[in-house]
Amino acid sequence: MVPGFVHKKGAHCATAALSDVFRYHGLDISEPMLFGLGSGLGFIYWKSKGMHFPFVGGRAKEMEKGVCENLGIKMTVNRTESRASAWNALRNMIEAKEPAMIYADMFYLEYFDQFMGHFGQHCIAVAGYDDKYAYVADNNFDGLVHCSLASLAEARASGCKFMAPENALFKFKFPEKTKPMPAAVRDAIRKTCDEMLSPPIKNLGVKGIRIFAEKLPEWLEYKDFGYNMRLTHIYLEKDGTGGSAFRNLYTSFLMEASQYLPELKIFANGIAGIARRWTDAANMLLIAGRDMSQAKAILEGAQSKLFELTDAEQEIFTGLKGLLK
């Protein structure tokens, strides 16, 4: 076991794991603050060949990389196709008294007492092992949980097509001093505003929310409509988002960051209102999936709400960007 490692339950897998690992190294930063400093808020609407149904999500892709770059922490990610090499690298970290942050497919993690679908980039920290088990810090649990070494190997090497884990192992090198927090906060918010307002492709950011709204009526044409609505509700409201497509986490970040820039309180309150509307929209999708006779009308209502959210997020991130000029 890594001596002195302390785990705290969290809202989101990656920020909880980062918080645990950073705290172990003497850098005690709250989960919402890590999320914000990594410019973690975003939006994606994605439908590619081979996907049976579109994916929607409220997080930016490279939050882990973003928070490290912003604070001046060097992060490397080792990937390998070899299970033996992956295990040796993880074991070496534990023996060097370093907690090991990894990706794993939730489907194979034995400590979940309910069925979990395939999601290959569930982020956890391994704090120890013995002949049979690995001892894991997972944001869904208060204390360490354990799974067999065989199931952990399967979870790390999973061939799931949706965000494959690729035996990823994160390593961090911490500087003597990180970037001053006021500057880090400003830089992170600017990046989030840019990604929401001027994304590299139209499926991301505010433009992605508009596409979500425009495409929503077409969802009735997909097979397994009820299942797809439940899954989308999970992606937006559950599944480590902190609720409201990660907008609750970002609200908490802005409120905490207001100690460095008091005007952020106004924007925190604005995002909190937007968060409630995301929850309303997600719940409407869930209800639509339960009642096909009313699904068309409910989706029309959800579509209107999503168009309102598009305008609201355009306005609030434009305002935030203006504040930081």
Protein backbone atom coordinates (compact mmCIF):
# COMPACT_ATOMS: atom_id res chain seq x y z
CA MET A 1 0.00 0.00 0.00
CA VAL A 2 1.07 3.57 -0.62
CA PRO A 3 1.58 4.96 2.91
CA GLY A 4 -0.37 8.09 3.81
CA PHE A 5 -2.66 7.98 0.78
CA VAL A 6 -6.11 9.44 1.56
CA HIS A 7 -9.13 9.06 -0.72
CA LYS A 8 -12.15 11.35 -0.79
CA LYS A 9 -15.37 10.48 -2.59
CA GLY A 10 -16.04 12.84 -5.49
CA ALA A 11 -18.50 13.98 -8.12
CA HIS A 12 -16.41 13.17 -11.21
CA CYS A 13 -13.95 10.33 -11.70
CA ALA A 14 -11.05 12.30 -13.19
CA THR A 15 -11.16 15.28 -10.84
CA ALA A 16 -11.57 13.00 -7.81
CA ALA A 17 -8.56 10.90 -8.83
CA LEU A 18 -6.48 14.00 -9.58
CA SER A 19 -7.47 15.51 -6.25
CA ASP A 20 -6.41 12.33 -4.40
CA VAL A 21 -3.06 12.14 -6.19
CA PHE A 22 -2.31 15.87 -5.94
CA ARG A 23 -3.20 15.88 -2.23
CA TYR A 24 -0.80 13.01 -1.64
CA HIS A 25 1.93 15.20 -3.14
CA GLY A 26 1.03 18.14 -0.91
CA LEU A 27 -1.15 20.05 -3.37
CA ASP A 28 -4.59 20.24 -1.77
CA ILE A 29 -6.99 21.61 -4.40
CA SER A 30 -10.74 21.02 -4.31
CA GLU A 31 -12.42 18.95 -6.98
CA PRO A 32 -14.44 21.86 -8.46
CA MET A 33 -11.30 24.01 -8.56
CA LEU A 34 -9.37 21.29 -10.41
CA PHE A 35 -12.25 20.96 -12.86
CA GLY A 36 -12.26 24.67 -13.56
CA LEU A 37 -8.48 25.04 -13.68
CA GLY A 38 -8.42 22.27 -16.28
CA SER A 39 -11.02 24.10 -18.39
CA GLY A 40 -13.12 20.99 -17.93
CA LEU A 41 -16.47 22.45 -18.94
CA GLY A 42 -17.53 21.93 -22.53
CA PHE A 43 -20.10 20.27 -24.72
CA ILE A 44 -19.95 17.60 -27.39
CA TYR A 45 -22.54 16.17 -29.77
CA TRP A 46 -21.03 13.19 -31.55
CA LYS A 47 -22.36 10.70 -34.07
CA SER A 48 -19.86 8.79 -36.18
CA LYS A 49 -19.97 5.70 -38.35
CA GLY A 50 -20.58 2.58 -36.32
CA MET A 51 -22.32 4.41 -33.46
CA HIS A 52 -25.87 3.21 -33.02
CA PHE A 53 -26.88 6.48 -31.36
CA PRO A 54 -25.41 9.98 -30.81
CA PHE A 55 -23.35 10.74 -27.71
CA VAL A 56 -23.78 14.01 -25.84
CA GLY A 57 -21.64 15.18 -22.94
CA GLY A 58 -20.79 18.30 -20.99
CA ARG A 59 -17.04 17.91 -20.47
CA ALA A 60 -14.06 19.10 -22.48
CA LYS A 61 -11.82 16.32 -23.74
CA GLU A 62 -8.41 17.06 -22.21
CA MET A 63 -9.21 18.32 -18.73
CA GLU A 64 -6.44 16.30 -17.06
CA LYS A 65 -3.83 17.69 -19.45
CA GLY A 66 -5.29 21.16 -19.12
CA VAL A 67 -5.05 21.42 -15.35
CA CYS A 68 -1.44 20.22 -15.38
CA GLU A 69 -0.38 22.62 -18.12
CA ASN A 70 -2.13 25.48 -16.36
CA LEU A 71 -0.44 24.83 -13.01
CA GLY A 72 2.99 23.95 -14.42
CA ILE A 73 2.83 20.25 -13.55
CA LYS A 74 4.45 17.87 -16.02
CA MET A 75 2.07 15.03 -16.92
CA THR A 76 2.95 12.04 -19.06
CA VAL A 77 0.61 9.23 -20.08
CA ASN A 78 2.11 5.83 -20.81
CA ARG A 79 0.09 3.55 -23.08
CA THR A 80 0.85 -0.01 -24.14
CA GLU A 81 -0.84 -2.99 -25.76
CA SER A 82 1.02 -5.36 -23.43
CA ARG A 83 -0.85 -6.34 -20.27
CA ALA A 84 2.40 -7.50 -18.69
CA SER A 85 4.13 -4.18 -19.36
CA ALA A 86 1.09 -2.29 -18.10
CA TRP A 87 1.06 -4.26 -14.84
CA ASN A 88 4.81 -3.92 -14.31
CA ALA A 89 4.63 -0.15 -14.74
CA LEU A 90 1.74 0.14 -12.28
CA ARG A 91 3.40 -2.17 -9.76
CA ASN A 92 6.65 -0.21 -9.96
CA MET A 93 4.79 3.01 -9.12
CA ILE A 94 3.14 1.45 -6.07
CA GLU A 95 6.46 0.02 -4.89
CA ALA A 96 7.98 3.49 -5.30
CA LYS A 97 5.22 4.74 -2.95
CA GLU A 98 3.38 6.58 -5.72
CA PRO A 99 -0.40 6.24 -6.22
CA ALA A 100 -1.09 5.21 -9.81
CA MET A 101 -3.82 7.02 -11.74
CA ILE A 102 -5.16 4.93 -14.61
CA TYR A 103 -8.05 4.50 -17.03
CA ALA A 104 -10.27 1.42 -16.73
CA ASP A 105 -13.42 0.09 -18.38
CA MET A 106 -16.16 0.21 -15.72
CA PHE A 107 -17.77 -2.92 -17.19
CA TYR A 108 -15.01 -5.14 -15.75
CA LEU A 109 -14.56 -3.55 -12.32
CA GLU A 110 -15.91 -6.11 -9.86
CA TYR A 111 -16.57 -3.72 -7.00
CA PHE A 112 -19.64 -2.25 -8.70
CA ASP A 113 -22.70 -4.08 -7.37
CA GLN A 114 -24.82 -3.23 -10.39
CA PHE A 115 -24.40 -3.68 -14.11
CA MET A 116 -22.17 -1.02 -15.65
CA GLY A 117 -21.97 -0.46 -19.38
CA HIS A 118 -18.69 -0.18 -21.24
CA PHE A 119 -16.88 3.09 -20.59
CA GLY A 120 -13.15 2.76 -21.06
CA GLN A 121 -11.88 6.03 -19.61
CA HIS A 122 -13.21 5.73 -16.08
CA CYS A 123 -10.42 7.31 -14.07
CA ILE A 124 -9.29 5.67 -10.82
CA ALA A 125 -6.21 5.69 -8.58
CA VAL A 126 -4.60 2.43 -7.47
CA ALA A 127 -3.19 2.74 -3.95
CA GLY A 128 -1.96 -0.80 -3.33
CA TYR A 129 -2.07 -4.46 -4.23
CA ASP A 130 -1.47 -7.94 -2.86
CA ASP A 131 -1.36 -11.43 -4.39
CA LYS A 132 -5.05 -11.35 -5.32
CA TYR A 133 -6.40 -7.82 -5.29
CA ALA A 134 -5.76 -4.23 -6.28
CA TYR A 135 -6.93 -1.54 -3.85
CA VAL A 136 -8.58 1.30 -5.69
CA ALA A 137 -9.73 4.87 -5.03
CA ASP A 138 -12.92 5.37 -7.07
CA ASN A 139 -14.97 8.57 -6.91
CA ASN A 140 -18.17 6.56 -6.38
CA PHE A 141 -17.06 5.18 -3.00
CA ASP A 142 -16.06 6.67 0.36
CA GLY A 143 -13.10 4.39 1.06
CA LEU A 144 -10.80 2.18 -0.95
CA VAL A 145 -12.45 -0.71 -2.79
CA HIS A 146 -10.81 -3.82 -4.19
CA CYS A 147 -11.01 -5.89 -7.34
CA SER A 148 -9.08 -8.92 -8.51
CA LEU A 149 -5.85 -8.32 -10.37
CA ALA A 150 -7.34 -10.22 -13.31
CA SER A 151 -10.39 -7.96 -13.53
CA LEU A 152 -8.20 -4.86 -13.28
CA ALA A 153 -6.05 -6.13 -16.14
CA GLU A 154 -9.19 -6.76 -18.21
CA ALA A 155 -10.54 -3.31 -17.41
CA ARG A 156 -7.27 -1.61 -18.39
CA ALA A 157 -6.88 -3.52 -21.67
CA SER A 158 -10.54 -3.46 -22.69
CA GLY A 159 -11.15 -3.22 -26.40
CA CYS A 160 -14.35 -1.23 -25.96
CA LYS A 161 -14.78 1.14 -28.88
CA PHE A 162 -16.04 4.03 -26.78
CA MET A 163 -13.01 5.74 -25.27
CA ALA A 164 -10.72 2.72 -24.97
CA PRO A 165 -8.47 2.75 -21.87
CA GLU A 166 -5.33 1.58 -23.71
CA ASN A 167 -3.66 0.58 -20.42
CA ALA A 168 -3.12 4.28 -19.76
CA LEU A 169 -0.98 5.15 -16.74
CA PHE A 170 -0.55 8.77 -15.64
CA LYS A 171 2.66 10.12 -14.15
CA PHE A 172 3.13 13.58 -12.65
CA LYS A 173 6.18 15.69 -11.88
CA PHE A 174 5.36 18.53 -9.52
CA PRO A 175 7.31 21.82 -9.57
CA GLU A 176 8.56 23.54 -6.44
CA LYS A 177 5.91 26.20 -7.01
CA THR A 178 2.81 26.03 -9.17
CA LYS A 179 1.44 29.00 -11.11
CA PRO A 180 -0.15 31.60 -8.79
CA MET A 181 -3.81 30.77 -8.40
CA PRO A 182 -5.28 34.12 -9.57
CA ALA A 183 -3.43 33.83 -12.90
CA ALA A 184 -4.32 30.15 -13.26
CA VAL A 185 -8.01 30.92 -12.70
CA ARG A 186 -8.04 33.66 -15.32
CA ASP A 187 -6.19 31.56 -17.90
CA ALA A 188 -8.52 28.60 -17.36
CA ILE A 189 -11.70 30.65 -17.72
CA ARG A 190 -10.41 32.31 -20.89
CA LYS A 191 -9.73 28.88 -22.38
CA THR A 192 -13.20 27.61 -21.46
CA CYS A 193 -14.81 30.68 -23.02
CA ASP A 194 -12.81 30.23 -26.23
CA GLU A 195 -13.71 26.54 -26.45
CA MET A 196 -17.40 27.20 -25.82
CA LEU A 197 -17.69 30.19 -28.17
CA SER A 198 -15.16 29.34 -30.92
CA PRO A 199 -14.77 25.55 -31.06
CA PRO A 200 -12.59 23.96 -33.76
CA ILE A 201 -15.57 21.98 -35.10
CA LYS A 202 -19.29 22.71 -35.02
CA ASN A 203 -20.17 19.68 -32.87
CA LEU A 204 -18.50 21.26 -29.82
CA GLY A 205 -19.28 24.12 -27.46
CA VAL A 206 -22.35 26.31 -27.86
CA LYS A 207 -22.58 25.30 -31.52
CA GLY A 208 -22.76 21.68 -30.39
CA ILE A 209 -25.68 22.46 -28.07
CA ARG A 210 -27.52 24.03 -31.01
CA ILE A 211 -26.89 20.92 -33.12
CA PHE A 212 -28.21 18.80 -30.24
CA ALA A 213 -31.39 20.88 -30.24
CA GLU A 214 -31.76 20.73 -34.02
CA LYS A 215 -31.20 16.97 -34.20
CA LEU A 216 -33.35 16.00 -31.22
CA PRO A 217 -36.60 15.29 -33.14
CA GLU A 218 -34.68 12.79 -35.29
CA TRP A 219 -33.92 10.69 -32.22
CA LEU A 220 -37.37 9.13 -32.47
CA GLU A 221 -36.16 7.32 -35.59
CA TYR A 222 -33.41 5.39 -33.77
CA LYS A 223 -33.99 1.88 -32.46
CA ASP A 224 -34.19 1.31 -28.70
CA PHE A 225 -35.52 4.81 -28.10
CA GLY A 226 -36.32 4.26 -24.42
CA TYR A 227 -32.88 2.81 -23.67
CA ASN A 228 -31.17 5.64 -25.55
CA MET A 229 -33.09 8.26 -23.58
CA ARG A 230 -32.10 6.63 -20.28
CA LEU A 231 -28.47 6.51 -21.40
CA THR A 232 -28.47 10.16 -22.47
CA HIS A 233 -30.00 11.13 -19.13
CA ILE A 234 -27.15 9.28 -17.41
CA TYR A 235 -24.54 11.05 -19.56
CA LEU A 236 -25.99 14.46 -18.70
CA GLU A 237 -27.27 14.07 -15.16
CA LYS A 238 -25.53 11.08 -13.56
CA ASP A 239 -22.42 9.04 -14.35
CA GLY A 240 -19.88 11.25 -12.58
CA THR A 241 -21.04 14.56 -14.01
CA GLY A 242 -21.94 16.18 -10.71
CA GLY A 243 -25.35 16.80 -12.32
CA SER A 244 -26.53 19.20 -15.01
CA ALA A 245 -23.94 18.26 -17.65
CA PHE A 246 -21.08 19.28 -15.32
CA ARG A 247 -22.58 22.76 -14.87
CA ASN A 248 -22.94 22.23 -11.10
CA LEU A 249 -19.21 21.57 -10.81
CA TYR A 250 -18.43 24.69 -12.81
CA THR A 251 -20.77 26.75 -10.64
CA SER A 252 -18.83 25.61 -7.57
CA PHE A 253 -15.55 26.43 -9.31
CA LEU A 254 -16.63 29.98 -10.15
CA MET A 255 -17.91 30.53 -6.62
CA GLU A 256 -14.61 29.32 -5.11
CA ALA A 257 -12.61 31.30 -7.67
CA SER A 258 -14.48 34.49 -6.74
CA GLN A 259 -12.03 34.88 -3.85
CA TYR A 260 -9.55 35.96 -6.54
CA LEU A 261 -12.04 37.82 -8.75
CA PRO A 262 -15.24 38.84 -6.88
CA GLU A 263 -17.20 39.50 -10.09
CA LEU A 264 -17.23 35.76 -10.74
CA LYS A 265 -20.03 35.37 -8.16
CA ILE A 266 -22.48 36.91 -10.62
CA PHE A 267 -21.47 34.40 -13.29
CA ALA A 268 -21.59 31.55 -10.78
CA ASN A 269 -25.23 32.42 -10.11
CA GLY A 270 -25.89 32.57 -13.84
CA ILE A 271 -24.35 29.15 -14.47
CA ALA A 272 -26.37 27.78 -11.52
CA GLY A 273 -29.55 28.85 -13.29
CA ILE A 274 -28.35 27.26 -16.52
CA ALA A 275 -27.53 24.08 -14.59
CA ARG A 276 -31.12 23.78 -13.38
CA ARG A 277 -32.35 24.05 -16.95
CA TRP A 278 -29.96 21.30 -18.05
CA THR A 279 -31.45 19.07 -15.36
CA ASP A 280 -34.95 19.90 -16.61
CA ALA A 281 -33.97 19.03 -20.20
CA ALA A 282 -32.30 15.76 -19.15
CA ASN A 283 -35.35 14.75 -17.12
CA MET A 284 -37.63 15.47 -20.08
CA LEU A 285 -35.59 13.05 -22.20
CA LEU A 286 -35.95 10.39 -19.50
CA ILE A 287 -39.72 10.89 -19.37
CA ALA A 288 -39.97 10.77 -23.17
CA GLY A 289 -38.24 7.41 -23.16
CA ARG A 290 -40.82 6.02 -20.75
CA ASP A 291 -43.90 7.08 -22.73
CA MET A 292 -43.75 6.65 -26.50
CA SER A 293 -47.29 8.00 -26.87
CA GLN A 294 -46.11 11.39 -25.59
CA ALA A 295 -42.50 11.21 -26.75
CA LYS A 296 -42.85 13.52 -29.76
CA ALA A 297 -44.47 16.30 -27.74
CA ILE A 298 -42.00 15.92 -24.87
CA LEU A 299 -39.03 16.06 -27.27
CA GLU A 300 -40.44 19.24 -28.78
CA GLY A 301 -40.50 20.76 -25.29
CA ALA A 302 -36.95 19.57 -24.62
CA GLN A 303 -35.85 21.01 -27.96
CA SER A 304 -37.22 24.43 -27.01
CA LYS A 305 -35.36 24.27 -23.71
CA LEU A 306 -32.12 23.33 -25.48
CA PHE A 307 -32.46 26.29 -27.85
CA GLU A 308 -32.93 28.50 -24.77
CA LEU A 309 -29.81 26.93 -23.23
CA THR A 310 -27.87 27.64 -26.42
CA ASP A 311 -28.68 31.34 -26.14
CA ALA A 312 -28.07 31.42 -22.38
CA GLU A 313 -24.63 29.81 -22.64
CA GLN A 314 -23.69 32.06 -25.56
CA GLU A 315 -24.56 35.07 -23.43
CA ILE A 316 -22.86 33.99 -20.21
CA PHE A 317 -19.59 32.87 -21.80
CA THR A 318 -19.47 36.05 -23.88
CA GLY A 319 -19.85 37.99 -20.65
CA LEU A 320 -17.17 35.95 -18.90
CA LYS A 321 -14.78 36.48 -21.78
CA GLY A 322 -15.42 40.21 -21.66
CA LEU A 323 -14.70 40.31 -17.93
CA LEU A 324 -11.24 38.83 -18.47
CA LYS A 325 -10.09 41.03 -21.35
